[in-house]
Amino acid sequence: MDMDHPIAVGKTFGTQNLSINFESNDSISFKTKNTLYILNGKSKYKIKDNIVTIRNSYKAYKQSGANSCILSFTGRLKKDRIEHATFSIIGHDDKEHVFGDNISLLIE
């Protein structure tokens, strides 16, 4: 994790459809909003050059038995927002999918 980026730990960023909480230097929790099925879970993240990246394989997600998973997320971390975020989240038994492209998540 770059030390020159705005500290994200303890902050929550969100939109009408998604909320992401930076719980530690490498873990986030997430929750979807305004969706048929509410998806939530935890994931590991990396930050390099202020770009937040989350990657999880579909195969590992299915084997884990988790309720939901962020398959991919990238966005530029700023002091009060995450800009240009693109993400793909999948829910249990593939019943719910949440996608975002070029979205800004504002600090909550």
Protein backbone atom coordinates (compact mmCIF):
# COMPACT_ATOMS: atom_id res chain seq x y z
CA MET A 1 0.00 0.00 0.00
CA ASP A 2 1.37 3.44 -0.88
CA MET A 3 1.95 5.61 2.14
CA ASP A 4 1.44 8.88 0.21
CA HIS A 5 -2.25 8.33 -0.55
CA PRO A 6 -5.04 9.68 1.67
CA ILE A 7 -5.54 7.23 4.52
CA ALA A 8 -8.63 5.13 3.78
CA VAL A 9 -8.79 2.94 6.89
CA GLY A 10 -11.95 3.64 8.87
CA LYS A 11 -13.62 5.50 6.00
CA THR A 12 -16.75 4.43 4.14
CA PHE A 13 -17.42 5.40 0.52
CA GLY A 14 -20.71 4.82 -1.26
CA THR A 15 -23.26 5.41 -3.98
CA GLN A 16 -26.98 4.71 -4.15
CA ASN A 17 -26.15 1.06 -4.89
CA LEU A 18 -22.93 0.25 -3.03
CA SER A 19 -21.14 1.02 0.23
CA ILE A 20 -17.48 0.08 0.87
CA ASN A 21 -15.86 0.36 4.30
CA PHE A 22 -12.06 0.20 4.59
CA GLU A 23 -11.66 -1.86 7.77
CA SER A 24 -7.87 -2.30 7.81
CA ASN A 25 -4.77 -1.82 5.66
CA ASP A 26 -5.80 -4.77 3.48
CA SER A 27 -9.50 -5.56 4.14
CA ILE A 28 -12.80 -3.97 3.16
CA SER A 29 -16.41 -4.82 3.84
CA PHE A 30 -19.11 -4.07 1.29
CA LYS A 31 -22.89 -3.93 1.10
CA THR A 32 -25.18 -3.31 -1.84
CA LYS A 33 -28.18 -1.02 -1.49
CA ASN A 34 -31.40 -0.69 -3.47
CA THR A 35 -31.02 -4.15 -5.01
CA LEU A 36 -33.45 -7.08 -5.00
CA TYR A 37 -31.06 -9.14 -2.86
CA ILE A 38 -28.79 -7.28 -0.44
CA LEU A 39 -25.25 -8.52 -1.00
CA ASN A 40 -22.56 -8.07 1.61
CA GLY A 41 -19.21 -9.49 2.44
CA LYS A 42 -15.53 -8.87 2.98
CA SER A 43 -12.58 -8.81 0.65
CA LYS A 44 -8.89 -8.00 0.45
CA TYR A 45 -7.73 -4.93 -1.44
CA LYS A 46 -4.52 -3.33 -2.67
CA ILE A 47 -3.67 0.31 -3.31
CA LYS A 48 -0.88 1.31 -5.67
CA ASP A 49 -0.45 4.85 -7.02
CA ASN A 50 -3.81 5.68 -5.36
CA ILE A 51 -5.61 3.02 -7.46
CA VAL A 52 -7.76 0.72 -5.32
CA THR A 53 -7.87 -2.81 -6.74
CA ILE A 54 -9.94 -5.78 -5.62
CA ARG A 55 -9.76 -9.08 -7.53
CA ASN A 56 -11.33 -12.42 -6.67
CA SER A 57 -11.71 -15.45 -8.89
CA TYR A 58 -15.17 -16.82 -9.60
CA LYS A 59 -13.92 -20.36 -8.94
CA ALA A 60 -12.54 -19.46 -5.49
CA TYR A 61 -15.79 -17.63 -4.65
CA LYS A 62 -17.91 -20.68 -5.54
CA GLN A 63 -15.66 -22.99 -3.53
CA SER A 64 -15.74 -20.71 -0.48
CA GLY A 65 -19.53 -20.84 -0.11
CA ALA A 66 -19.61 -17.08 0.57
CA ASN A 67 -22.89 -15.16 0.26
CA SER A 68 -21.44 -12.71 -2.26
CA CYS A 69 -18.17 -11.57 -3.76
CA ILE A 70 -16.58 -8.57 -5.44
CA LEU A 71 -15.14 -10.19 -8.56
CA SER A 72 -13.41 -6.99 -9.61
CA PHE A 73 -13.16 -3.36 -8.49
CA THR A 74 -10.84 -0.58 -9.58
CA GLY A 75 -11.03 3.11 -8.77
CA ARG A 76 -8.85 6.14 -8.00
CA LEU A 77 -8.75 6.98 -4.29
CA LYS A 78 -9.05 10.67 -3.41
CA LYS A 79 -9.38 12.33 0.00
CA ASP A 80 -13.20 12.39 -0.05
CA ARG A 81 -14.17 9.97 -2.84
CA ILE A 82 -13.22 7.12 -5.13
CA GLU A 83 -13.38 8.24 -8.77
CA HIS A 84 -13.76 6.30 -12.02
CA ALA A 85 -14.76 3.13 -10.16
CA THR A 86 -15.65 0.08 -12.19
CA PHE A 87 -16.92 -2.99 -10.36
CA SER A 88 -18.60 -6.37 -10.66
CA ILE A 89 -20.28 -8.03 -7.66
CA ILE A 90 -22.02 -11.39 -7.69
CA GLY A 91 -24.45 -12.87 -5.20
CA HIS A 92 -25.21 -16.31 -3.82
CA ASP A 93 -26.23 -18.82 -6.50
CA ASP A 94 -25.60 -16.09 -9.09
CA LYS A 95 -29.10 -14.66 -8.46
CA GLU A 96 -27.93 -11.07 -8.20
CA HIS A 97 -25.26 -9.18 -10.11
CA VAL A 98 -24.30 -5.57 -9.45
CA PHE A 99 -22.16 -3.69 -11.95
CA GLY A 100 -20.79 -0.17 -12.07
CA ASP A 101 -18.78 1.68 -14.71
CA ASN A 102 -17.03 5.03 -14.23
CA ILE A 103 -18.84 5.65 -10.91
CA SER A 104 -17.85 8.03 -8.11
CA LEU A 105 -18.23 6.76 -4.55
CA LEU A 106 -18.47 9.63 -2.07
CA ILE A 107 -17.38 9.54 1.54
CA GLU A 108 -20.31 8.72 3.81
